[in-house]
Protein backbone atom coordinates (compact mmCIF):
# COMPACT_ATOMS: atom_id res chain seq x y z
CA MET A 1 -8.56 -14.80 -32.65
CA LYS A 2 -10.73 -12.50 -30.56
CA LYS A 3 -12.24 -13.67 -27.30
CA THR A 4 -15.83 -13.11 -26.51
CA GLU A 5 -16.85 -11.32 -23.36
CA ARG A 6 -17.98 -14.61 -21.82
CA GLU A 7 -14.60 -16.26 -22.49
CA PHE A 8 -12.80 -13.27 -21.02
CA LEU A 9 -14.92 -13.36 -17.84
CA GLU A 10 -14.37 -17.11 -17.51
CA LEU A 11 -10.62 -16.55 -17.81
CA LEU A 12 -10.73 -13.87 -15.09
CA GLU A 13 -12.76 -16.12 -12.80
CA ARG A 14 -10.33 -19.01 -13.34
CA LYS A 15 -7.34 -16.79 -12.51
CA ALA A 16 -9.12 -15.47 -9.39
CA ARG A 17 -9.75 -19.05 -8.23
CA GLU A 18 -6.07 -19.89 -8.81
CA ASP A 19 -4.95 -16.86 -6.79
CA SER A 20 -7.39 -17.72 -4.02
CA PHE A 21 -6.07 -21.29 -3.99
CA LEU A 22 -2.48 -20.04 -3.62
CA VAL A 23 -3.39 -17.74 -0.74
CA GLN A 24 -5.68 -20.21 1.04
CA GLY A 25 -3.62 -23.30 0.18
CA GLY A 26 -0.82 -22.65 2.59
CA LEU A 27 1.71 -21.35 0.11
CA PHE A 28 2.04 -18.29 2.36
CA PRO A 29 2.14 -18.29 6.17
CA ARG A 30 -1.20 -17.59 7.81
CA TRP A 31 -0.17 -14.11 8.98
CA ALA A 32 1.01 -13.14 5.48
CA SER A 33 -2.37 -13.98 3.96
CA PHE A 34 -4.13 -11.90 6.60
CA VAL A 35 -1.83 -8.91 6.18
CA GLY A 36 -2.07 -9.13 2.39
CA GLU A 37 -5.86 -9.14 2.48
CA TRP A 38 -5.96 -6.33 5.05
CA LEU A 39 -3.49 -4.08 3.21
CA GLY A 40 -4.94 -4.95 -0.18
CA VAL A 41 -8.19 -3.30 0.79
CA ASN A 42 -6.65 -0.03 1.96
CA PRO A 43 -2.85 0.41 2.15
CA TRP A 44 -3.30 3.91 3.60
CA ARG A 45 -4.06 2.21 6.92
CA VAL A 46 -0.31 1.77 7.31
CA ILE A 47 1.17 4.48 5.09
CA VAL A 48 -0.42 7.47 6.84
CA PRO A 49 0.38 6.50 10.47
CA PHE A 50 3.91 5.43 9.44
CA SER A 51 4.58 8.75 7.69
CA ILE A 52 3.30 10.68 10.70
CA ILE A 53 5.58 8.72 13.04
CA VAL A 54 8.59 9.25 10.74
CA TYR A 55 7.87 12.98 10.51
CA LEU A 56 7.48 13.37 14.27
CA PHE A 57 10.67 11.39 14.92
CA ALA A 58 12.62 13.52 12.44
CA ARG A 59 11.11 16.70 13.89
CA VAL A 60 12.18 15.75 17.41
CA MET A 61 15.68 14.77 16.26
CA PHE A 62 16.39 17.69 13.89
CA GLY A 63 13.92 20.42 14.88
CA GLU A 64 12.65 23.23 12.63
CA VAL A 65 14.95 22.22 9.75
CA VAL A 66 12.73 19.19 9.08
CA ARG A 67 9.60 21.31 8.74
CA GLU A 68 11.32 23.66 6.32
CA ALA A 69 12.71 20.74 4.31
CA PHE A 70 9.30 19.06 4.04
CA LEU A 71 7.67 22.29 2.96
CA ALA A 72 10.42 22.95 0.42
CA ILE A 73 10.03 19.45 -1.03
CA TYR A 74 6.29 19.77 -1.43
CA GLY A 75 6.38 23.37 -2.69
CA GLY A 76 4.81 24.99 0.31
CA TYR A 77 5.76 27.90 2.49
CA ARG A 78 9.19 29.43 1.93
CA GLY A 79 10.59 30.79 5.19
CA ALA A 80 11.07 34.55 5.56
């Protein structure tokens, strides 16, 4: 049995209300709901700064080898 567009939209709205109820209803701690909403909008807010910190830490610990390894992984410059 095929669903009409209206039935499909009603189903989506019902599921969205259920998800909202779970998040707002205290199933998760307050901080988890905030972080989930914040990261759900744009996860790059954390991924980019974290990757920069990891790269800089590795660069300080291991030196030029890290730069060459990163460039080799991503197909960039091959040292002379």
